[in-house]
C-alpha atoms as a PDB file:
ATOM      1  CA  MET A   1      20.540-104.894  86.967  1.00  0.00           C
ATOM      2  CA  ASP A   2      18.120-102.811  85.183  1.00  0.00           C
ATOM      3  CA  ARG A   3      18.707 -99.810  87.496  1.00  0.00           C
ATOM      4  CA  PHE A   4      20.674 -97.944  84.854  1.00  0.00           C
ATOM      5  CA  LYS A   5      20.163 -97.364  81.484  1.00  0.00           C
ATOM      6  CA  ARG A   6      22.384 -98.973  79.108  1.00  0.00           C
ATOM      7  CA  THR A   7      24.687 -96.728  76.858  1.00  0.00           C
ATOM      8  CA  ILE A   8      27.059 -98.022  73.883  1.00  0.00           C
ATOM      9  CA  ARG A   9      29.687 -98.248  76.290  1.00  0.00           C
ATOM     10  CA  GLY A  10      27.754 -99.728  79.356  1.00  0.00           C
ATOM     11  CA  TYR A  11      25.485 -97.796  82.167  1.00  0.00           C
ATOM     12  CA  ASP A  12      24.773 -94.208  81.616  1.00  0.00           C
ATOM     13  CA  PRO A  13      27.556 -92.636  83.655  1.00  0.00           C
ATOM     14  CA  ASP A  14      25.196 -89.816  85.052  1.00  0.00           C
ATOM     15  CA  GLU A  15      22.650 -92.433  86.424  1.00  0.00           C
ATOM     16  CA  VAL A  16      25.580 -94.180  88.009  1.00  0.00           C
ATOM     17  CA  LYS A  17      26.896 -90.876  89.576  1.00  0.00           C
ATOM     18  CA  ALA A  18      23.431 -89.907  91.120  1.00  0.00           C
ATOM     19  CA  TYR A  19      22.882 -93.319  92.401  1.00  0.00           C
ATOM     20  CA  LEU A  20      26.424 -93.495  94.226  1.00  0.00           C
ATOM     21  CA  ASP A  21      25.724 -89.831  95.432  1.00  0.00           C
ATOM     22  CA  GLU A  22      22.529 -91.175  97.056  1.00  0.00           C
ATOM     23  CA  ILE A  23      24.392 -94.027  98.467  1.00  0.00           C
ATOM     24  CA  ILE A  24      27.274 -91.768  99.837  1.00  0.00           C
ATOM     25  CA  SER A  25      24.772 -89.564 101.480  1.00  0.00           C
ATOM     26  CA  LEU A  26      22.973 -92.363 103.030  1.00  0.00           C
ATOM     27  CA  VAL A  27      26.137 -93.968 104.317  1.00  0.00           C
ATOM     28  CA  GLU A  28      27.348 -90.541 105.837  1.00  0.00           C
ATOM     29  CA  LYS A  29      23.896 -90.005 107.744  1.00  0.00           C
ATOM     30  CA  VAL A  30      24.511 -93.513 109.060  1.00  0.00           C
ATOM     31  CA  VAL A  31      27.813 -93.058 110.071  1.00  0.00           C
ATOM     32  CA  ALA A  32      26.837 -89.446 112.007  1.00  0.00           C
ATOM     33  CA  SER A  33      24.055 -91.147 113.744  1.00  0.00           C
ATOM     34  CA  ASN A  34      26.161 -93.840 114.858  1.00  0.00           C
ATOM     35  CA  LYS A  35      28.881 -91.657 116.499  1.00  0.00           C
ATOM     36  CA  GLU A  36      25.928 -89.755 118.038  1.00  0.00           C
ATOM     37  CA  LYS A  37      24.520 -92.811 119.606  1.00  0.00           C
ATOM     38  CA  ASN A  38      27.932 -93.873 120.518  1.00  0.00           C
ATOM     39  CA  LYS A  39      28.681 -90.700 122.346  1.00  0.00           C
ATOM     40  CA  GLU A  40      25.205 -91.049 124.218  1.00  0.00           C
ATOM     41  CA  ILE A  41      25.888 -94.514 125.195  1.00  0.00           C
ATOM     42  CA  ILE A  42      29.338 -93.219 126.735  1.00  0.00           C
ATOM     43  CA  ARG A  43      27.517 -90.426 128.758  1.00  0.00           C
ATOM     44  CA  LEU A  44      24.805 -92.781 129.984  1.00  0.00           C
ATOM     45  CA  SER A  45      27.214 -95.355 130.955  1.00  0.00           C
ATOM     46  CA  LYS A  46      29.250 -92.978 133.223  1.00  0.00           C
ATOM     47  CA  GLU A  47      26.043 -91.468 134.577  1.00  0.00           C
ATOM     48  CA  LEU A  48      24.890 -95.045 135.466  1.00  0.00           C
ATOM     49  CA  GLU A  49      28.353 -95.697 136.976  1.00  0.00           C
ATOM     50  CA  GLU A  50      27.843 -92.415 139.072  1.00  0.00           C
ATOM     51  CA  THR A  51      24.393 -93.340 140.342  1.00  0.00           C
ATOM     52  CA  LYS A  52      25.488 -96.943 141.080  1.00  0.00           C
ATOM     53  CA  ALA A  53      28.226 -95.281 143.373  1.00  0.00           C
ATOM     54  CA  LYS A  54      25.621 -92.924 144.829  1.00  0.00           C
ATOM     55  CA  TYR A  55      23.342 -95.871 145.689  1.00  0.00           C
ATOM     56  CA  ASN A  56      26.266 -97.905 146.959  1.00  0.00           C
ATOM     57  CA  GLU A  57      27.236 -95.097 149.397  1.00  0.00           C
ATOM     58  CA  LEU A  58      23.596 -94.410 150.603  1.00  0.00           C
ATOM     59  CA  LYS A  59      23.161 -98.157 150.941  1.00  0.00           C
ATOM     60  CA  ASP A  60      26.223 -98.183 153.069  1.00  0.00           C
ATOM     61  CA  ASN A  61      25.405 -95.056 155.213  1.00  0.00           C
ATOM     62  CA  PHE A  62      21.654 -96.577 155.828  1.00  0.00           C
ATOM     63  CA  THR A  63      23.242-100.026 156.933  1.00  0.00           C
ATOM     64  CA  ASN A  64      25.615 -98.209 159.257  1.00  0.00           C
ATOM     65  CA  VAL A  65      22.663 -96.404 160.905  1.00  0.00           C
ATOM     66  CA  ILE A  66      20.731 -99.589 161.491  1.00  0.00           C
ATOM     67  CA  ASN A  67      23.613-101.508 162.753  1.00  0.00           C
ATOM     68  CA  ASN A  68      24.428 -98.683 165.178  1.00  0.00           C
ATOM     69  CA  LYS A  69      21.028 -98.709 166.651  1.00  0.00           C
END
């Protein structure tokens, strides 16, 4: 691991802390993005179900009109 400078007692604590802060920030952004994407998936799933229901209703109405002629 040449990412950090070595000190007498191991890696440079300031470099390690800065690196961990970068990782934490990246993970927080990914988690927030995933939450937003999950909300959008739920919204789109509901919209799809509503659209399917409307389609089926229109299809049934059309079939009834055709059959009653």
